[in-house]
Amino acid sequence: MPLIPEEPQIHESAQGPRVTAAGGRTAPTPRPVPGPRPAAPARPGRPGPARPMPAQRASREPAAAKPGPPVVAATPQIQLNPASVEGALDAAEEAVDLLLEAGRAPGDVLVITTGDPHPWAAHELSFGEVEYWAQHDAGDDVFYADSADVSRAAVRPVVVVAVNGGADDAVAAVLPQALGRAGALLIVCGDPSQINSVLGAGV
């Protein structure tokens, strides 16, 4: 007679006991977890923890970070145009014409007279001082001033002085002031001996 097994036989697995999962399925035996892998060798181009800055870029940055200020002459140049007292105003006008022909902007030029005012200044002052000085402040044209007003005039790249009269002490006082108003060039039209003695003593 065949034997009827009362209960199924359980064979031990070579891999160890199986654990019954909650859903009735058997979970596989946990396998050993591999240990930490050895670090992979660094590949070229792979970012590392301390990547140095390229030397070429580092050398450029300081130069770009320090733009130098524009070079400005410490003292303006002085040009002497010999002229008589009567011809000083004409010599100043000729100097202005040459400056404009050379490319100077009209607003770069200030003309100072030591004797009679320039005809343009006399004409403009007839409309009032407010309008006259408004043209000075606009700075878009040649401006003509009397030596008494030099302290009120602003600095301009070129100052032209016409020594067309006035007392010696007045001329001696205006030339150093004119030099202080000249940003790049001072042109003095007048008697060379008088001008040299004044500039030598006052500047």
Protein backbone atom coordinates (compact mmCIF):
# COMPACT_ATOMS: atom_id res chain seq x y z
CA MET A 1 0.00 0.00 0.00
CA PRO A 2 1.31 3.44 -0.80
CA LEU A 3 2.25 5.63 2.10
CA ILE A 4 0.35 8.89 2.47
CA PRO A 5 2.60 11.45 3.90
CA GLU A 6 1.06 13.20 6.83
CA GLU A 7 3.03 16.39 6.20
CA PRO A 8 5.36 17.46 3.48
CA GLN A 9 8.99 16.93 4.10
CA ILE A 10 11.12 19.99 4.47
CA HIS A 11 14.54 19.76 2.97
CA GLU A 12 17.18 22.05 4.29
CA SER A 13 18.51 24.37 1.67
CA ALA A 14 22.20 24.56 1.18
CA GLN A 15 21.91 28.31 1.18
CA GLY A 16 20.39 28.56 4.60
CA PRO A 17 16.89 28.88 5.94
CA ARG A 18 14.29 30.88 4.10
CA VAL A 19 12.20 33.43 5.84
CA THR A 20 8.52 33.63 5.10
CA ALA A 21 7.49 37.10 4.03
CA ALA A 22 4.34 38.77 5.28
CA GLY A 23 2.55 38.24 1.98
CA GLY A 24 3.05 34.50 2.12
CA ARG A 25 5.95 34.59 -0.30
CA THR A 26 9.35 33.51 0.68
CA ALA A 27 12.06 36.17 0.67
CA PRO A 28 15.42 35.23 -0.74
CA THR A 29 18.25 34.75 1.59
CA PRO A 30 20.04 38.06 2.17
CA ARG A 31 23.30 38.13 0.32
CA PRO A 32 26.39 39.65 1.82
CA VAL A 33 26.73 43.39 1.10
CA PRO A 34 29.95 44.22 -0.70
CA GLY A 35 32.39 46.43 1.16
CA PRO A 36 33.49 49.91 0.05
CA ARG A 37 34.94 50.00 -3.41
CA PRO A 38 38.42 51.25 -3.95
CA ALA A 39 38.46 54.84 -5.21
CA ALA A 40 38.52 55.06 -8.97
CA PRO A 41 41.62 56.64 -10.42
CA ALA A 42 41.12 60.29 -11.29
CA ARG A 43 40.42 60.86 -14.95
CA PRO A 44 41.90 63.77 -16.81
CA GLY A 45 39.49 66.67 -16.72
CA ARG A 46 37.59 65.36 -13.74
CA PRO A 47 37.05 68.12 -11.15
CA GLY A 48 39.04 67.48 -8.03
CA PRO A 49 38.68 68.99 -4.57
CA ALA A 50 41.40 71.60 -5.02
CA ARG A 51 41.58 72.59 -8.65
CA PRO A 52 44.16 75.31 -9.21
CA MET A 53 43.24 78.41 -11.23
CA PRO A 54 44.89 78.49 -14.64
CA ALA A 55 48.00 80.63 -14.44
CA GLN A 56 47.16 82.59 -17.60
CA ARG A 57 43.84 83.81 -16.24
CA ALA A 58 45.31 84.69 -12.87
CA SER A 59 47.97 86.85 -14.50
CA ARG A 60 45.40 88.82 -16.49
CA GLU A 61 43.04 89.68 -13.66
CA PRO A 62 45.24 92.17 -11.78
CA ALA A 63 45.89 94.14 -14.97
CA ALA A 64 42.17 94.32 -15.79
CA ALA A 65 41.24 95.34 -12.26
CA LYS A 66 43.50 98.41 -12.24
CA PRO A 67 42.58 100.77 -15.06
CA GLY A 68 45.01 103.66 -14.89
CA PRO A 69 43.79 107.23 -14.61
CA PRO A 70 44.16 109.43 -17.66
CA VAL A 71 47.62 110.95 -17.88
CA VAL A 72 47.47 114.65 -17.10
CA ALA A 73 50.42 117.00 -17.41
CA ALA A 74 51.56 118.31 -14.03
CA THR A 75 51.95 121.89 -15.30
CA PRO A 76 50.62 123.38 -18.51
CA GLN A 77 52.95 124.32 -21.32
CA ILE A 78 53.63 128.02 -21.80
CA GLN A 79 53.82 129.52 -25.28
CA LEU A 80 54.91 133.10 -25.85
CA ASN A 81 53.69 134.95 -28.93
CA PRO A 82 55.59 138.26 -29.17
CA ALA A 83 53.31 141.22 -29.88
CA SER A 84 53.06 144.89 -29.12
CA VAL A 85 50.41 146.23 -26.79
CA GLU A 86 48.41 147.39 -29.81
CA GLY A 87 48.79 144.07 -31.64
CA ALA A 88 48.28 141.71 -28.65
CA LEU A 89 44.55 141.31 -29.26
CA ASP A 90 45.08 140.44 -32.93
CA ALA A 91 47.81 137.97 -31.96
CA ALA A 92 45.40 136.34 -29.49
CA GLU A 93 42.72 136.07 -32.19
CA GLU A 94 45.23 134.46 -34.53
CA ALA A 95 46.21 131.98 -31.79
CA VAL A 96 42.56 131.06 -31.27
CA ASP A 97 42.06 130.53 -35.00
CA LEU A 98 45.09 128.22 -35.14
CA LEU A 99 43.82 126.24 -32.15
CA LEU A 100 40.41 125.72 -33.75
CA GLU A 101 41.98 124.74 -37.08
CA ALA A 102 44.14 122.21 -35.23
CA GLY A 103 41.01 120.52 -33.87
CA ARG A 104 40.50 122.17 -30.50
CA ALA A 105 36.85 122.52 -29.52
CA PRO A 106 35.73 126.15 -29.07
CA GLY A 107 34.69 125.37 -25.50
CA ASP A 108 38.29 124.41 -24.68
CA VAL A 109 39.53 127.99 -25.05
CA LEU A 110 39.44 130.93 -22.63
CA VAL A 111 40.78 134.33 -23.74
CA ILE A 112 41.79 136.92 -21.14
CA THR A 113 42.56 140.56 -21.86
CA THR A 114 44.64 142.75 -19.55
CA GLY A 115 43.64 146.10 -21.08
CA ASP A 116 40.46 146.96 -22.96
CA PRO A 117 37.93 144.11 -23.04
CA HIS A 118 37.55 142.03 -26.19
CA PRO A 119 34.79 143.43 -28.46
CA TRP A 120 32.80 140.19 -28.07
CA ALA A 121 32.89 140.48 -24.27
CA ALA A 122 31.86 144.13 -24.38
CA HIS A 123 28.95 143.26 -26.68
CA GLU A 124 27.73 140.34 -24.58
CA LEU A 125 28.02 142.27 -21.33
CA SER A 126 25.65 144.85 -22.78
CA PHE A 127 22.89 142.22 -22.32
CA GLY A 128 23.75 141.76 -18.64
CA GLU A 129 26.19 139.81 -16.58
CA VAL A 130 23.79 136.90 -16.01
CA GLU A 131 23.53 136.15 -19.72
CA TYR A 132 27.26 136.73 -20.19
CA TRP A 133 28.31 134.25 -17.47
CA ALA A 134 25.64 131.78 -18.57
CA GLN A 135 27.58 131.43 -21.83
CA HIS A 136 30.74 130.80 -19.80
CA ASP A 137 29.01 128.09 -17.79
CA ALA A 138 27.62 126.44 -20.94
CA GLY A 139 31.22 125.90 -22.05
CA ASP A 140 30.40 125.34 -25.70
CA ASP A 141 32.20 128.33 -27.24
CA VAL A 142 35.35 130.44 -26.86
CA PHE A 143 34.88 132.70 -23.86
CA TYR A 144 36.43 136.17 -23.52
CA ALA A 145 37.01 137.61 -20.05
CA ASP A 146 38.64 140.64 -18.53
CA SER A 147 41.65 140.18 -16.25
CA ALA A 148 39.51 141.32 -13.30
CA ASP A 149 37.27 138.27 -13.80
CA VAL A 150 39.95 135.58 -14.06
CA SER A 151 39.19 134.25 -10.57
CA ARG A 152 35.59 133.63 -11.64
CA ALA A 153 36.51 131.77 -14.82
CA ALA A 154 36.63 127.98 -14.81
CA VAL A 155 39.62 125.90 -15.84
CA ARG A 156 39.82 125.25 -19.57
CA PRO A 157 42.39 123.21 -21.49
CA VAL A 158 43.81 126.30 -23.22
CA VAL A 159 44.04 129.86 -21.91
CA VAL A 160 45.13 132.70 -24.19
CA VAL A 161 46.19 135.98 -22.58
CA ALA A 162 46.32 139.17 -24.63
CA VAL A 163 48.58 141.66 -22.81
CA ASN A 164 46.91 144.61 -24.50
CA GLY A 165 47.47 147.18 -21.78
CA GLY A 166 46.98 147.55 -18.07
CA ALA A 167 49.40 148.38 -15.32
CA ASP A 168 52.45 146.21 -14.80
CA ASP A 169 51.22 145.04 -11.41
CA ALA A 170 47.87 144.04 -12.93
CA VAL A 171 49.65 142.02 -15.62
CA ALA A 172 51.90 140.51 -12.96
CA ALA A 173 48.80 139.45 -11.02
CA VAL A 174 46.82 138.01 -13.94
CA LEU A 175 49.48 135.81 -15.55
CA PRO A 176 49.90 133.42 -12.59
CA GLN A 177 46.10 133.20 -12.30
CA ALA A 178 45.81 132.48 -16.02
CA LEU A 179 48.40 129.73 -15.64
CA GLY A 180 46.27 128.24 -12.87
CA ARG A 181 43.22 128.22 -15.19
CA ALA A 182 45.09 126.52 -18.07
CA GLY A 183 44.68 122.76 -18.07
CA ALA A 184 47.21 122.00 -20.81
CA LEU A 185 48.46 125.16 -22.54
CA LEU A 186 48.91 128.85 -21.71
CA ILE A 187 49.50 131.19 -24.66
CA VAL A 188 50.60 134.70 -23.80
CA CYS A 189 50.56 137.37 -26.49
CA GLY A 190 52.55 140.49 -25.58
CA ASP A 191 55.93 142.01 -24.89
CA PRO A 192 58.38 139.13 -24.25
CA SER A 193 60.53 141.04 -21.76
CA GLN A 194 57.53 141.99 -19.63
CA ILE A 195 56.02 138.50 -19.81
CA ASN A 196 59.28 136.68 -19.00
CA SER A 197 59.92 138.88 -15.98
CA VAL A 198 56.39 138.31 -14.70
CA LEU A 199 56.28 134.56 -15.29
CA GLY A 200 59.75 134.13 -13.86
CA ALA A 201 58.82 135.96 -10.66
CA GLY A 202 55.24 134.88 -10.23
CA VAL A 203 55.31 131.23 -11.27
